[in-house]
Amino acid sequence: MYETVILLSESIGENEVKFRFDSLKNIVILSAQLQKLDNMVNKQRYLLKMVGKVTREDLSEAVNAILDAVANHLQAFPDYQS
């Protein structure tokens, strides 16, 4: 579903950056929870390219949510750290 939001917002244009940014944030968080770390990194790179197009508050919220998700993943799977 989040992927669909990204595709639709890209086709509409720059006016829908917030929806795309929030969808990417959710995909990154879900990818961390599902241990799909390659997908998480790829989507996070895409999300970081949008830094100048969102508010500082939205960026801060996204970064904190992503860090929390990764920290929770590492606590749940301590042997997974490399």
C-alpha atoms as a PDB file:
ATOM      1  CA  MET A   1       0.000   0.000   0.000  1.00  0.00           C
ATOM      2  CA  TYR A   2       2.783   2.451   0.863  1.00  0.00           C
ATOM      3  CA  GLU A   3       4.492   1.671  -2.432  1.00  0.00           C
ATOM      4  CA  THR A   4       1.268   2.634  -4.218  1.00  0.00           C
ATOM      5  CA  VAL A   5       1.180   5.970  -2.393  1.00  0.00           C
ATOM      6  CA  ILE A   6       4.747   6.640  -3.504  1.00  0.00           C
ATOM      7  CA  LEU A   7       3.978   5.826  -7.126  1.00  0.00           C
ATOM      8  CA  LEU A   8       0.817   7.940  -7.138  1.00  0.00           C
ATOM      9  CA  SER A   9       2.491  10.908  -5.471  1.00  0.00           C
ATOM     10  CA  GLU A  10       5.384  10.753  -7.942  1.00  0.00           C
ATOM     11  CA  SER A  11       2.955  10.840 -10.855  1.00  0.00           C
ATOM     12  CA  ILE A  12       1.107  13.846  -9.383  1.00  0.00           C
ATOM     13  CA  GLY A  13       4.283  15.822  -8.830  1.00  0.00           C
ATOM     14  CA  GLU A  14       6.045  17.760  -6.124  1.00  0.00           C
ATOM     15  CA  ASN A  15       2.838  18.829  -4.362  1.00  0.00           C
ATOM     16  CA  GLU A  16       2.528  15.437  -2.674  1.00  0.00           C
ATOM     17  CA  VAL A  17       5.988  15.219  -1.132  1.00  0.00           C
ATOM     18  CA  LYS A  18       4.634  14.812   2.420  1.00  0.00           C
ATOM     19  CA  PHE A  19       2.662  11.691   1.491  1.00  0.00           C
ATOM     20  CA  ARG A  20       5.673  10.198  -0.271  1.00  0.00           C
ATOM     21  CA  PHE A  21       7.975  11.042   2.632  1.00  0.00           C
ATOM     22  CA  ASP A  22       5.613   9.525   5.216  1.00  0.00           C
ATOM     23  CA  SER A  23       5.155   6.406   3.103  1.00  0.00           C
ATOM     24  CA  LEU A  24       8.907   5.973   2.780  1.00  0.00           C
ATOM     25  CA  LYS A  25       9.318   6.418   6.530  1.00  0.00           C
ATOM     26  CA  ASN A  26       6.742   3.683   7.141  1.00  0.00           C
ATOM     27  CA  ILE A  27       8.372   1.355   4.616  1.00  0.00           C
ATOM     28  CA  VAL A  28      11.756   1.839   6.300  1.00  0.00           C
ATOM     29  CA  ILE A  29      10.260   1.087   9.723  1.00  0.00           C
ATOM     30  CA  LEU A  30       8.368  -1.972   8.489  1.00  0.00           C
ATOM     31  CA  SER A  31      11.451  -3.233   6.665  1.00  0.00           C
ATOM     32  CA  ALA A  32      13.454  -3.003   9.901  1.00  0.00           C
ATOM     33  CA  GLN A  33      10.755  -4.896  11.784  1.00  0.00           C
ATOM     34  CA  LEU A  34      10.595  -7.583   9.088  1.00  0.00           C
ATOM     35  CA  GLN A  35      14.403  -7.850   8.922  1.00  0.00           C
ATOM     36  CA  LYS A  36      14.468  -6.751   5.273  1.00  0.00           C
ATOM     37  CA  LEU A  37      17.523  -4.642   5.828  1.00  0.00           C
ATOM     38  CA  ASP A  38      18.522  -4.224   2.165  1.00  0.00           C
ATOM     39  CA  ASN A  39      15.098  -2.798   1.381  1.00  0.00           C
ATOM     40  CA  MET A  40      15.306  -0.625   4.482  1.00  0.00           C
ATOM     41  CA  VAL A  41      18.624   0.885   3.393  1.00  0.00           C
ATOM     42  CA  ASN A  42      17.428   1.499  -0.181  1.00  0.00           C
ATOM     43  CA  LYS A  43      14.232   3.217   0.912  1.00  0.00           C
ATOM     44  CA  GLN A  44      16.075   5.237   3.527  1.00  0.00           C
ATOM     45  CA  ARG A  45      18.438   6.539   0.852  1.00  0.00           C
ATOM     46  CA  TYR A  46      15.443   7.633  -1.187  1.00  0.00           C
ATOM     47  CA  LEU A  47      13.913   9.241   1.911  1.00  0.00           C
ATOM     48  CA  LEU A  48      17.118  11.173   2.647  1.00  0.00           C
ATOM     49  CA  LYS A  49      17.101  12.641  -0.859  1.00  0.00           C
ATOM     50  CA  MET A  50      13.877  14.402   0.114  1.00  0.00           C
ATOM     51  CA  VAL A  51      15.335  16.160   3.164  1.00  0.00           C
ATOM     52  CA  GLY A  52      15.147  19.632   1.626  1.00  0.00           C
ATOM     53  CA  LYS A  53      11.506  19.189   0.627  1.00  0.00           C
ATOM     54  CA  VAL A  54       9.973  18.479   4.048  1.00  0.00           C
ATOM     55  CA  THR A  55       9.765  20.430   7.271  1.00  0.00           C
ATOM     56  CA  ARG A  56      12.400  20.068   9.936  1.00  0.00           C
ATOM     57  CA  GLU A  57       9.748  18.634  12.261  1.00  0.00           C
ATOM     58  CA  ASP A  58       8.769  15.917   9.746  1.00  0.00           C
ATOM     59  CA  LEU A  59      12.417  15.047   9.210  1.00  0.00           C
ATOM     60  CA  SER A  60      13.126  14.866  12.933  1.00  0.00           C
ATOM     61  CA  GLU A  61      10.076  12.666  13.518  1.00  0.00           C
ATOM     62  CA  ALA A  62      11.098  10.323  10.697  1.00  0.00           C
ATOM     63  CA  VAL A  63      14.702  10.006  11.866  1.00  0.00           C
ATOM     64  CA  ASN A  64      13.636   9.324  15.460  1.00  0.00           C
ATOM     65  CA  ALA A  65      11.039   6.734  14.380  1.00  0.00           C
ATOM     66  CA  ILE A  66      13.581   4.961  12.160  1.00  0.00           C
ATOM     67  CA  LEU A  67      16.226   4.943  14.876  1.00  0.00           C
ATOM     68  CA  ASP A  68      13.689   3.550  17.364  1.00  0.00           C
ATOM     69  CA  ALA A  69      12.705   0.794  14.932  1.00  0.00           C
ATOM     70  CA  VAL A  70      16.336  -0.173  14.303  1.00  0.00           C
ATOM     71  CA  ALA A  71      17.144  -0.082  18.034  1.00  0.00           C
ATOM     72  CA  ASN A  72      14.132  -2.292  18.786  1.00  0.00           C
ATOM     73  CA  HIS A  73      15.225  -4.701  16.067  1.00  0.00           C
ATOM     74  CA  LEU A  74      18.736  -4.890  17.498  1.00  0.00           C
ATOM     75  CA  GLN A  75      17.371  -5.487  21.007  1.00  0.00           C
ATOM     76  CA  ALA A  76      15.092  -8.252  19.774  1.00  0.00           C
ATOM     77  CA  PHE A  77      17.857  -9.881  17.715  1.00  0.00           C
ATOM     78  CA  PRO A  78      21.169  -9.135  19.466  1.00  0.00           C
ATOM     79  CA  ASP A  79      23.013 -11.823  17.497  1.00  0.00           C
ATOM     80  CA  TYR A  80      22.004 -10.126  14.260  1.00  0.00           C
ATOM     81  CA  GLN A  81      24.433  -7.232  14.784  1.00  0.00           C
ATOM     82  CA  SER A  82      27.442  -7.331  12.527  1.00  0.00           C
END
